[in-house]
PDB file of N, CA and C in Angstrom:
ATOM      1  N   MET A   1       0.953  -1.232  -0.086  1.00  0.00           N
ATOM      2  CA  MET A   1       0.050   0.044   0.009  1.00  0.00           C
ATOM      3  C   MET A   1       0.942   1.202  -0.134  1.00  0.00           C
ATOM      4  N   LEU A   2       0.383   2.129  -0.520  1.00  0.00           N
ATOM      5  CA  LEU A   2       1.208   3.506  -0.810  1.00  0.00           C
ATOM      6  C   LEU A   2       0.805   4.386   0.587  1.00  0.00           C
ATOM      7  N   ILE A   3      -0.279   4.472   1.109  1.00  0.00           N
ATOM      8  CA  ILE A   3      -0.629   5.156   2.311  1.00  0.00           C
ATOM      9  C   ILE A   3      -0.617   4.307   3.337  1.00  0.00           C
ATOM     10  N   SER A   4       0.120   4.682   4.487  1.00  0.00           N
ATOM     11  CA  SER A   4       0.168   4.019   5.830  1.00  0.00           C
ATOM     12  C   SER A   4      -1.024   4.343   6.653  1.00  0.00           C
ATOM     13  N   PRO A   5      -1.547   3.441   7.323  1.00  0.00           N
ATOM     14  CA  PRO A   5      -2.635   3.549   8.294  1.00  0.00           C
ATOM     15  C   PRO A   5      -2.394   4.908   9.521  1.00  0.00           C
ATOM     16  N   ALA A   6      -3.308   5.785   9.635  1.00  0.00           N
ATOM     17  CA  ALA A   6      -3.172   6.606  10.761  1.00  0.00           C
ATOM     18  C   ALA A   6      -3.768   6.154  11.848  1.00  0.00           C
ATOM     19  N   PHE A   7      -2.969   6.322  13.309  1.00  0.00           N
ATOM     20  CA  PHE A   7      -3.601   5.763  14.487  1.00  0.00           C
ATOM     21  C   PHE A   7      -3.584   7.154  15.224  1.00  0.00           C
ATOM     22  N   ALA A   8      -4.806   7.259  16.263  1.00  0.00           N
ATOM     23  CA  ALA A   8      -5.100   8.435  17.021  1.00  0.00           C
ATOM     24  C   ALA A   8      -4.288   8.224  18.215  1.00  0.00           C
ATOM     25  N   GLN A   9      -3.797   9.420  18.858  1.00  0.00           N
ATOM     26  CA  GLN A   9      -2.929   9.344  19.933  1.00  0.00           C
ATOM     27  C   GLN A   9      -3.797   9.186  21.203  1.00  0.00           C
ATOM     28  N   ALA A  10      -3.329   8.606  22.174  1.00  0.00           N
ATOM     29  CA  ALA A  10      -4.052   8.743  23.419  1.00  0.00           C
ATOM     30  C   ALA A  10      -4.355  10.011  24.093  1.00  0.00           C
ATOM     31  N   ALA A  11      -5.262  10.306  24.463  1.00  0.00           N
ATOM     32  CA  ALA A  11      -5.449  11.694  25.096  1.00  0.00           C
ATOM     33  C   ALA A  11      -4.881  11.873  26.565  1.00  0.00           C
ATOM     34  N   PRO A  12      -4.019  12.830  26.809  1.00  0.00           N
ATOM     35  CA  PRO A  12      -3.372  12.906  28.023  1.00  0.00           C
ATOM     36  C   PRO A  12      -4.340  13.011  29.333  1.00  0.00           C
ATOM     37  N   ALA A  13      -4.101  12.571  30.269  1.00  0.00           N
ATOM     38  CA  ALA A  13      -4.842  12.392  31.515  1.00  0.00           C
ATOM     39  C   ALA A  13      -5.022  13.686  32.054  1.00  0.00           C
ATOM     40  N   ALA A  14      -6.408  14.152  32.380  1.00  0.00           N
ATOM     41  CA  ALA A  14      -6.633  15.385  32.826  1.00  0.00           C
ATOM     42  C   ALA A  14      -6.223  15.518  34.417  1.00  0.00           C
ATOM     43  N   SER A  15      -5.495  16.512  34.877  1.00  0.00           N
ATOM     44  CA  SER A  15      -4.937  16.755  36.093  1.00  0.00           C
ATOM     45  C   SER A  15      -5.629  17.814  36.740  1.00  0.00           C
ATOM     46  N   GLY A  16      -6.663  17.787  37.467  1.00  0.00           N
ATOM     47  CA  GLY A  16      -7.352  18.746  38.067  1.00  0.00           C
ATOM     48  C   GLY A  16      -6.742  19.788  38.772  1.00  0.00           C
ATOM     49  N   ASP A  17      -5.628  20.282  38.493  1.00  0.00           N
ATOM     50  CA  ASP A  17      -4.813  21.347  39.072  1.00  0.00           C
ATOM     51  C   ASP A  17      -5.176  22.623  38.789  1.00  0.00           C
ATOM     52  N   ALA A  18      -5.752  23.410  39.671  1.00  0.00           N
ATOM     53  CA  ALA A  18      -6.111  24.715  39.562  1.00  0.00           C
ATOM     54  C   ALA A  18      -4.997  25.639  39.435  1.00  0.00           C
ATOM     55  N   GLY A  19      -3.792  25.336  39.939  1.00  0.00           N
ATOM     56  CA  GLY A  19      -2.624  26.101  39.981  1.00  0.00           C
ATOM     57  C   GLY A  19      -2.043  26.327  38.471  1.00  0.00           C
ATOM     58  N   SER A  20      -2.241  25.369  37.684  1.00  0.00           N
ATOM     59  CA  SER A  20      -1.765  25.407  36.335  1.00  0.00           C
ATOM     60  C   SER A  20      -2.549  26.175  35.416  1.00  0.00           C
ATOM     61  N   SER A  21      -3.945  26.486  35.802  1.00  0.00           N
ATOM     62  CA  SER A  21      -4.833  27.224  35.071  1.00  0.00           C
ATOM     63  C   SER A  21      -4.605  28.872  35.346  1.00  0.00           C
ATOM     64  N   LEU A  22      -4.165  28.895  36.653  1.00  0.00           N
ATOM     65  CA  LEU A  22      -3.913  30.148  36.972  1.00  0.00           C
ATOM     66  C   LEU A  22      -2.486  30.789  36.547  1.00  0.00           C
ATOM     67  N   LEU A  23      -1.567  29.806  36.172  1.00  0.00           N
ATOM     68  CA  LEU A  23      -0.302  30.174  35.656  1.00  0.00           C
ATOM     69  C   LEU A  23      -0.620  30.429  34.275  1.00  0.00           C
ATOM     70  N   SER A  24      -1.456  29.679  33.690  1.00  0.00           N
ATOM     71  CA  SER A  24      -1.714  30.044  32.257  1.00  0.00           C
ATOM     72  C   SER A  24      -2.499  31.552  32.010  1.00  0.00           C
ATOM     73  N   LEU A  25      -3.137  32.024  32.920  1.00  0.00           N
ATOM     74  CA  LEU A  25      -3.547  33.405  32.820  1.00  0.00           C
ATOM     75  C   LEU A  25      -2.452  34.495  33.306  1.00  0.00           C
ATOM     76  N   LEU A  26      -1.598  34.127  33.884  1.00  0.00           N
ATOM     77  CA  LEU A  26      -0.578  35.064  34.309  1.00  0.00           C
ATOM     78  C   LEU A  26       0.056  35.980  33.260  1.00  0.00           C
ATOM     79  N   PRO A  27       0.558  35.623  32.155  1.00  0.00           N
ATOM     80  CA  PRO A  27       1.094  36.315  30.983  1.00  0.00           C
ATOM     81  C   PRO A  27      -0.018  37.329  30.669  1.00  0.00           C
ATOM     82  N   LEU A  28      -1.303  36.800  30.284  1.00  0.00           N
ATOM     83  CA  LEU A  28      -2.347  37.819  30.079  1.00  0.00           C
ATOM     84  C   LEU A  28      -2.343  38.983  31.227  1.00  0.00           C
ATOM     85  N   VAL A  29      -2.345  38.580  32.502  1.00  0.00           N
ATOM     86  CA  VAL A  29      -2.631  39.648  33.423  1.00  0.00           C
ATOM     87  C   VAL A  29      -1.198  40.470  33.375  1.00  0.00           C
ATOM     88  N   LEU A  30      -0.123  40.117  33.016  1.00  0.00           N
ATOM     89  CA  LEU A  30       1.063  40.862  33.193  1.00  0.00           C
ATOM     90  C   LEU A  30       1.052  41.790  31.976  1.00  0.00           C
ATOM     91  N   MET A  31       0.608  41.339  30.584  1.00  0.00           N
ATOM     92  CA  MET A  31       0.376  42.152  29.401  1.00  0.00           C
ATOM     93  C   MET A  31      -0.472  43.481  29.801  1.00  0.00           C
ATOM     94  N   PHE A  32      -1.713  43.014  30.438  1.00  0.00           N
ATOM     95  CA  PHE A  32      -2.440  44.216  30.772  1.00  0.00           C
ATOM     96  C   PHE A  32      -1.891  45.300  31.662  1.00  0.00           C
ATOM     97  N   VAL A  33      -1.155  44.925  32.721  1.00  0.00           N
ATOM     98  CA  VAL A  33      -0.523  45.750  33.637  1.00  0.00           C
ATOM     99  C   VAL A  33       0.509  46.522  32.985  1.00  0.00           C
ATOM    100  N   VAL A  34       1.304  46.072  31.959  1.00  0.00           N
ATOM    101  CA  VAL A  34       2.264  46.748  31.217  1.00  0.00           C
ATOM    102  C   VAL A  34       1.733  47.733  30.420  1.00  0.00           C
ATOM    103  N   LEU A  35       0.589  47.332  29.678  1.00  0.00           N
ATOM    104  CA  LEU A  35      -0.374  48.211  28.668  1.00  0.00           C
ATOM    105  C   LEU A  35      -0.879  49.372  29.554  1.00  0.00           C
ATOM    106  N   TYR A  36      -1.261  49.046  30.763  1.00  0.00           N
ATOM    107  CA  TYR A  36      -1.878  50.319  31.673  1.00  0.00           C
ATOM    108  C   TYR A  36      -0.942  51.189  32.007  1.00  0.00           C
ATOM    109  N   PHE A  37       0.492  51.035  32.354  1.00  0.00           N
ATOM    110  CA  PHE A  37       1.314  51.851  32.702  1.00  0.00           C
ATOM    111  C   PHE A  37       2.036  52.574  31.611  1.00  0.00           C
ATOM    112  N   ILE A  38       2.207  51.864  30.391  1.00  0.00           N
ATOM    113  CA  ILE A  38       2.808  52.244  29.085  1.00  0.00           C
ATOM    114  C   ILE A  38       1.969  53.198  28.381  1.00  0.00           C
ATOM    115  N   MET A  39       0.596  52.911  28.414  1.00  0.00           N
ATOM    116  CA  MET A  39      -0.399  53.684  27.332  1.00  0.00           C
ATOM    117  C   MET A  39      -1.542  54.340  28.132  1.00  0.00           C
ATOM    118  N   ILE A  40      -2.296  53.781  28.914  1.00  0.00           N
ATOM    119  CA  ILE A  40      -3.346  54.216  29.477  1.00  0.00           C
ATOM    120  C   ILE A  40      -3.244  55.304  30.500  1.00  0.00           C
ATOM    121  N   ARG A  41      -2.223  55.039  31.384  1.00  0.00           N
ATOM    122  CA  ARG A  41      -1.972  56.125  32.439  1.00  0.00           C
ATOM    123  C   ARG A  41      -1.433  57.456  31.976  1.00  0.00           C
ATOM    124  N   PRO A  42      -0.430  57.370  31.056  1.00  0.00           N
ATOM    125  CA  PRO A  42       0.090  58.621  30.484  1.00  0.00           C
ATOM    126  C   PRO A  42      -1.067  59.427  29.712  1.00  0.00           C
ATOM    127  N   GLN A  43      -1.815  58.681  29.091  1.00  0.00           N
ATOM    128  CA  GLN A  43      -2.797  59.243  28.197  1.00  0.00           C
ATOM    129  C   GLN A  43      -3.971  59.964  29.046  1.00  0.00           C
ATOM    130  N   MET A  44      -4.249  59.374  30.120  1.00  0.00           N
ATOM    131  CA  MET A  44      -5.208  59.941  31.261  1.00  0.00           C
ATOM    132  C   MET A  44      -4.547  61.484  31.813  1.00  0.00           C
ATOM    133  N   LYS A  45      -3.338  61.066  32.144  1.00  0.00           N
ATOM    134  CA  LYS A  45      -2.546  62.329  32.842  1.00  0.00           C
ATOM    135  C   LYS A  45      -2.708  63.536  31.598  1.00  0.00           C
ATOM    136  N   ARG A  46      -2.252  63.296  30.418  1.00  0.00           N
ATOM    137  CA  ARG A  46      -2.277  64.353  29.480  1.00  0.00           C
ATOM    138  C   ARG A  46      -3.786  64.937  29.286  1.00  0.00           C
ATOM    139  N   GLN A  47      -4.662  64.169  29.347  1.00  0.00           N
ATOM    140  CA  GLN A  47      -6.222  64.549  29.346  1.00  0.00           C
ATOM    141  C   GLN A  47      -6.488  65.650  30.444  1.00  0.00           C
ATOM    142  N   LYS A  48      -5.926  65.076  31.485  1.00  0.00           N
ATOM    143  CA  LYS A  48      -6.290  66.084  32.730  1.00  0.00           C
ATOM    144  C   LYS A  48      -5.480  67.380  32.549  1.00  0.00           C
ATOM    145  N   GLU A  49      -4.132  67.184  32.263  1.00  0.00           N
ATOM    146  CA  GLU A  49      -3.647  68.521  32.059  1.00  0.00           C
ATOM    147  C   GLU A  49      -4.234  69.514  30.945  1.00  0.00           C
ATOM    148  N   HIS A  50      -4.524  68.760  29.815  1.00  0.00           N
ATOM    149  CA  HIS A  50      -5.318  69.646  28.841  1.00  0.00           C
ATOM    150  C   HIS A  50      -6.559  70.224  29.232  1.00  0.00           C
ATOM    151  N   LYS A  51      -7.278  69.420  30.067  1.00  0.00           N
ATOM    152  CA  LYS A  51      -8.603  69.977  30.514  1.00  0.00           C
ATOM    153  C   LYS A  51      -8.279  71.181  31.549  1.00  0.00           C
ATOM    154  N   ALA A  52      -7.205  71.061  32.450  1.00  0.00           N
ATOM    155  CA  ALA A  52      -7.041  72.267  33.228  1.00  0.00           C
ATOM    156  C   ALA A  52      -6.520  73.597  32.432  1.00  0.00           C
ATOM    157  N   MET A  53      -5.785  73.196  31.512  1.00  0.00           N
ATOM    158  CA  MET A  53      -5.279  74.455  30.671  1.00  0.00           C
ATOM    159  C   MET A  53      -6.434  74.911  29.801  1.00  0.00           C
ATOM    160  N   VAL A  54      -7.268  74.373  29.357  1.00  0.00           N
ATOM    161  CA  VAL A  54      -8.543  74.823  28.783  1.00  0.00           C
ATOM    162  C   VAL A  54      -9.382  75.723  29.706  1.00  0.00           C
ATOM    163  N   GLU A  55      -9.578  75.145  30.752  1.00  0.00           N
ATOM    164  CA  GLU A  55     -10.301  75.772  31.887  1.00  0.00           C
ATOM    165  C   GLU A  55      -9.849  77.226  32.357  1.00  0.00           C
ATOM    166  N   ALA A  56      -8.481  77.183  32.319  1.00  0.00           N
ATOM    167  CA  ALA A  56      -7.803  78.291  32.761  1.00  0.00           C
ATOM    168  C   ALA A  56      -7.622  79.429  31.784  1.00  0.00           C
ATOM    169  N   LEU A  57      -8.019  79.210  30.481  1.00  0.00           N
ATOM    170  CA  LEU A  57      -7.909  80.282  29.494  1.00  0.00           C
ATOM    171  C   LEU A  57      -8.491  81.605  29.898  1.00  0.00           C
ATOM    172  N   ALA A  58      -7.983  82.573  29.637  1.00  0.00           N
ATOM    173  CA  ALA A  58      -8.491  83.908  29.922  1.00  0.00           C
ATOM    174  C   ALA A  58      -8.294  84.977  28.685  1.00  0.00           C
ATOM    175  N   LYS A  59      -8.872  85.962  28.608  1.00  0.00           N
ATOM    176  CA  LYS A  59      -8.816  86.891  27.663  1.00  0.00           C
ATOM    177  C   LYS A  59      -7.501  87.689  27.388  1.00  0.00           C
ATOM    178  N   GLY A  60      -6.793  87.523  26.399  1.00  0.00           N
ATOM    179  CA  GLY A  60      -5.610  88.187  26.296  1.00  0.00           C
ATOM    180  C   GLY A  60      -4.329  87.028  26.270  1.00  0.00           C
ATOM    181  N   ASP A  61      -4.738  85.873  26.435  1.00  0.00           N
ATOM    182  CA  ASP A  61      -3.827  84.805  26.422  1.00  0.00           C
ATOM    183  C   ASP A  61      -3.421  84.536  24.924  1.00  0.00           C
ATOM    184  N   GLU A  62      -2.231  84.215  24.792  1.00  0.00           N
ATOM    185  CA  GLU A  62      -1.841  83.856  23.291  1.00  0.00           C
ATOM    186  C   GLU A  62      -1.560  82.322  23.130  1.00  0.00           C
ATOM    187  N   VAL A  63      -2.231  81.753  22.291  1.00  0.00           N
ATOM    188  CA  VAL A  63      -2.553  80.461  22.186  1.00  0.00           C
ATOM    189  C   VAL A  63      -2.298  79.947  20.553  1.00  0.00           C
ATOM    190  N   VAL A  64      -2.073  78.656  20.514  1.00  0.00           N
ATOM    191  CA  VAL A  64      -1.926  77.860  19.192  1.00  0.00           C
ATOM    192  C   VAL A  64      -2.851  76.811  19.182  1.00  0.00           C
ATOM    193  N   THR A  65      -3.763  76.866  18.126  1.00  0.00           N
ATOM    194  CA  THR A  65      -4.928  75.983  17.969  1.00  0.00           C
ATOM    195  C   THR A  65      -4.294  74.509  17.503  1.00  0.00           C
ATOM    196  N   ALA A  66      -5.152  73.456  17.534  1.00  0.00           N
ATOM    197  CA  ALA A  66      -4.740  72.182  16.969  1.00  0.00           C
ATOM    198  C   ALA A  66      -4.476  72.378  15.478  1.00  0.00           C
ATOM    199  N   GLY A  67      -5.162  73.196  14.694  1.00  0.00           N
ATOM    200  CA  GLY A  67      -4.812  73.398  13.311  1.00  0.00           C
ATOM    201  C   GLY A  67      -3.533  74.179  13.082  1.00  0.00           C
ATOM    202  N   GLY A  68      -3.159  74.839  13.962  1.00  0.00           N
ATOM    203  CA  GLY A  68      -1.742  75.625  13.839  1.00  0.00           C
ATOM    204  C   GLY A  68      -1.949  77.102  13.818  1.00  0.00           C
ATOM    205  N   LEU A  69      -3.175  77.588  13.951  1.00  0.00           N
ATOM    206  CA  LEU A  69      -3.282  79.093  13.984  1.00  0.00           C
ATOM    207  C   LEU A  69      -2.946  79.492  15.289  1.00  0.00           C
ATOM    208  N   ALA A  70      -2.122  80.733  15.335  1.00  0.00           N
ATOM    209  CA  ALA A  70      -1.522  81.350  16.537  1.00  0.00           C
ATOM    210  C   ALA A  70      -2.132  82.525  16.526  1.00  0.00           C
ATOM    211  N   GLY A  71      -2.608  82.924  17.803  1.00  0.00           N
ATOM    212  CA  GLY A  71      -3.317  84.297  17.936  1.00  0.00           C
ATOM    213  C   GLY A  71      -3.698  84.518  19.416  1.00  0.00           C
ATOM    214  N   ARG A  72      -4.314  85.705  19.617  1.00  0.00           N
ATOM    215  CA  ARG A  72      -4.613  86.116  20.980  1.00  0.00           C
ATOM    216  C   ARG A  72      -5.941  86.024  21.274  1.00  0.00           C
ATOM    217  N   ILE A  73      -6.492  85.651  22.355  1.00  0.00           N
ATOM    218  CA  ILE A  73      -7.896  85.364  22.740  1.00  0.00           C
ATOM    219  C   ILE A  73      -8.577  86.669  22.859  1.00  0.00           C
ATOM    220  N   SER A  74      -9.612  87.062  22.183  1.00  0.00           N
ATOM    221  CA  SER A  74     -10.184  88.167  22.354  1.00  0.00           C
ATOM    222  C   SER A  74     -11.900  88.213  22.958  1.00  0.00           C
ATOM    223  N   LYS A  75     -12.247  87.045  22.875  1.00  0.00           N
ATOM    224  CA  LYS A  75     -13.650  86.737  23.470  1.00  0.00           C
ATOM    225  C   LYS A  75     -13.701  85.424  23.899  1.00  0.00           C
ATOM    226  N   LEU A  76     -14.370  85.273  25.140  1.00  0.00           N
ATOM    227  CA  LEU A  76     -14.527  83.921  25.842  1.00  0.00           C
ATOM    228  C   LEU A  76     -15.935  83.408  25.854  1.00  0.00           C
ATOM    229  N   GLY A  77     -16.207  82.269  25.522  1.00  0.00           N
ATOM    230  CA  GLY A  77     -17.386  81.822  25.797  1.00  0.00           C
ATOM    231  C   GLY A  77     -17.431  80.404  26.545  1.00  0.00           C
ATOM    232  N   ASP A  78     -18.581  79.871  26.655  1.00  0.00           N
ATOM    233  CA  ASP A  78     -18.441  78.407  27.290  1.00  0.00           C
ATOM    234  C   ASP A  78     -17.938  77.422  26.394  1.00  0.00           C
ATOM    235  N   THR A  79     -18.146  77.274  25.147  1.00  0.00           N
ATOM    236  CA  THR A  79     -17.632  76.268  24.253  1.00  0.00           C
ATOM    237  C   THR A  79     -16.908  76.851  23.171  1.00  0.00           C
ATOM    238  N   TYR A  80     -16.926  78.154  22.797  1.00  0.00           N
ATOM    239  CA  TYR A  80     -16.177  78.756  21.754  1.00  0.00           C
ATOM    240  C   TYR A  80     -15.275  79.923  22.242  1.00  0.00           C
ATOM    241  N   LEU A  81     -14.025  80.255  21.695  1.00  0.00           N
ATOM    242  CA  LEU A  81     -13.189  81.361  21.766  1.00  0.00           C
ATOM    243  C   LEU A  81     -13.302  82.208  20.510  1.00  0.00           C
ATOM    244  N   GLY A  82     -12.987  83.536  20.879  1.00  0.00           N
ATOM    245  CA  GLY A  82     -12.663  84.350  19.679  1.00  0.00           C
ATOM    246  C   GLY A  82     -11.078  84.608  19.731  1.00  0.00           C
ATOM    247  N   VAL A  83     -10.609  84.042  18.588  1.00  0.00           N
ATOM    248  CA  VAL A  83      -9.027  84.358  18.772  1.00  0.00           C
ATOM    249  C   VAL A  83      -8.603  85.246  17.459  1.00  0.00           C
ATOM    250  N   GLU A  84      -8.008  86.331  17.831  1.00  0.00           N
ATOM    251  CA  GLU A  84      -7.685  87.215  16.668  1.00  0.00           C
ATOM    252  C   GLU A  84      -6.178  86.890  16.246  1.00  0.00           C
ATOM    253  N   VAL A  85      -6.188  86.475  14.973  1.00  0.00           N
ATOM    254  CA  VAL A  85      -5.014  86.131  14.330  1.00  0.00           C
ATOM    255  C   VAL A  85      -4.271  87.043  13.814  1.00  0.00           C
ATOM    256  N   ALA A  86      -4.944  88.166  13.431  1.00  0.00           N
ATOM    257  CA  ALA A  86      -4.155  89.496  12.743  1.00  0.00           C
ATOM    258  C   ALA A  86      -5.029  90.810  13.053  1.00  0.00           C
ATOM    259  N   ASN A  87      -4.592  91.754  12.936  1.00  0.00           N
ATOM    260  CA  ASN A  87      -5.254  93.034  13.283  1.00  0.00           C
ATOM    261  C   ASN A  87      -6.669  92.995  12.583  1.00  0.00           C
ATOM    262  N   GLY A  88      -7.804  92.966  13.098  1.00  0.00           N
ATOM    263  CA  GLY A  88      -9.131  93.074  12.670  1.00  0.00           C
ATOM    264  C   GLY A  88      -9.523  91.616  12.137  1.00  0.00           C
ATOM    265  N   VAL A  89      -8.827  90.691  12.149  1.00  0.00           N
ATOM    266  CA  VAL A  89      -9.270  89.163  11.755  1.00  0.00           C
ATOM    267  C   VAL A  89      -9.297  88.301  13.058  1.00  0.00           C
ATOM    268  N   GLU A  90     -10.603  87.954  13.296  1.00  0.00           N
ATOM    269  CA  GLU A  90     -10.819  87.206  14.520  1.00  0.00           C
ATOM    270  C   GLU A  90     -11.665  85.843  14.017  1.00  0.00           C
ATOM    271  N   VAL A  91     -11.185  84.743  14.328  1.00  0.00           N
ATOM    272  CA  VAL A  91     -11.935  83.412  13.985  1.00  0.00           C
ATOM    273  C   VAL A  91     -12.353  82.958  15.368  1.00  0.00           C
ATOM    274  N   GLN A  92     -13.392  82.142  15.257  1.00  0.00           N
ATOM    275  CA  GLN A  92     -14.036  81.327  16.160  1.00  0.00           C
ATOM    276  C   GLN A  92     -13.532  80.005  16.328  1.00  0.00           C
ATOM    277  N   VAL A  93     -12.923  79.364  17.399  1.00  0.00           N
ATOM    278  CA  VAL A  93     -12.508  78.116  17.540  1.00  0.00           C
ATOM    279  C   VAL A  93     -13.191  77.495  18.840  1.00  0.00           C
ATOM    280  N   GLN A  94     -13.260  76.112  18.898  1.00  0.00           N
ATOM    281  CA  GLN A  94     -13.716  75.433  20.166  1.00  0.00           C
ATOM    282  C   GLN A  94     -12.637  75.574  21.220  1.00  0.00           C
ATOM    283  N   ARG A  95     -13.109  75.565  22.350  1.00  0.00           N
ATOM    284  CA  ARG A  95     -12.118  75.559  23.427  1.00  0.00           C
ATOM    285  C   ARG A  95     -11.274  74.422  23.502  1.00  0.00           C
ATOM    286  N   ASN A  96     -11.612  73.097  23.019  1.00  0.00           N
ATOM    287  CA  ASN A  96     -10.845  72.042  23.083  1.00  0.00           C
ATOM    288  C   ASN A  96      -9.696  72.015  21.933  1.00  0.00           C
ATOM    289  N   ALA A  97     -10.073  72.841  21.015  1.00  0.00           N
ATOM    290  CA  ALA A  97      -9.086  73.040  19.859  1.00  0.00           C
ATOM    291  C   ALA A  97      -7.819  73.704  20.326  1.00  0.00           C
ATOM    292  N   VAL A  98      -7.723  74.407  21.398  1.00  0.00           N
ATOM    293  CA  VAL A  98      -6.481  75.162  21.791  1.00  0.00           C
ATOM    294  C   VAL A  98      -5.397  74.027  22.222  1.00  0.00           C
ATOM    295  N   ALA A  99      -4.376  74.066  21.461  1.00  0.00           N
ATOM    296  CA  ALA A  99      -3.307  72.785  21.763  1.00  0.00           C
ATOM    297  C   ALA A  99      -2.313  73.377  22.742  1.00  0.00           C
ATOM    298  N   GLN A 100      -2.029  74.699  22.815  1.00  0.00           N
ATOM    299  CA  GLN A 100      -0.895  75.204  23.698  1.00  0.00           C
ATOM    300  C   GLN A 100      -1.064  76.718  24.047  1.00  0.00           C
ATOM    301  N   VAL A 101      -0.846  76.974  25.031  1.00  0.00           N
ATOM    302  CA  VAL A 101      -0.729  78.460  25.593  1.00  0.00           C
ATOM    303  C   VAL A 101       0.683  79.137  25.630  1.00  0.00           C
ATOM    304  N   LEU A 102       0.780  80.154  24.720  1.00  0.00           N
ATOM    305  CA  LEU A 102       2.304  80.563  24.564  1.00  0.00           C
ATOM    306  C   LEU A 102       2.553  81.521  25.755  1.00  0.00           C
ATOM    307  N   PRO A 103       3.873  81.826  25.980  1.00  0.00           N
ATOM    308  CA  PRO A 103       4.162  82.823  26.898  1.00  0.00           C
ATOM    309  C   PRO A 103       3.757  84.240  26.309  1.00  0.00           C
ATOM    310  N   LYS A 104       3.368  85.026  27.421  1.00  0.00           N
ATOM    311  CA  LYS A 104       3.148  86.483  27.041  1.00  0.00           C
ATOM    312  C   LYS A 104       4.243  87.054  26.162  1.00  0.00           C
ATOM    313  N   GLY A 105       3.723  87.765  25.244  1.00  0.00           N
ATOM    314  CA  GLY A 105       4.758  88.509  24.274  1.00  0.00           C
ATOM    315  C   GLY A 105       5.253  87.671  23.276  1.00  0.00           C
ATOM    316  N   THR A 106       4.955  86.316  23.071  1.00  0.00           N
ATOM    317  CA  THR A 106       5.325  85.734  21.923  1.00  0.00           C
ATOM    318  C   THR A 106       5.005  86.205  20.409  1.00  0.00           C
ATOM    319  N   LEU A 107       3.756  86.617  20.529  1.00  0.00           N
ATOM    320  CA  LEU A 107       3.060  87.116  19.342  1.00  0.00           C
ATOM    321  C   LEU A 107       3.315  88.699  19.291  1.00  0.00           C
ATOM    322  N   LYS A 108       3.625  89.182  18.244  1.00  0.00           N
ATOM    323  CA  LYS A 108       3.887  90.692  17.901  1.00  0.00           C
ATOM    324  C   LYS A 108       2.871  91.384  17.195  1.00  0.00           C
TER     325      LYS A 108
END
């Protein structure tokens, strides 16, 4: 015959050891802990800092928006800001679009 017969292997004996099942979950738990400290925690810290910065905005602050516009805050609202980007040119942006507050005197 060209094809040899195949035989099934005997199933390994079940070892009702609960410790081995906990050890098999250990790598998954360790990966989640590492993921938390490398990705989730720093992102939450950045969000908290951005929220505090947005709440502390005041009229006259010099800001840069997420789109790259730099200007001085001329009007404050609950959700929108008036940002003067040039003499007589004012744009409305959402508060959350402010990416950075510049030091006073940066814009001339």
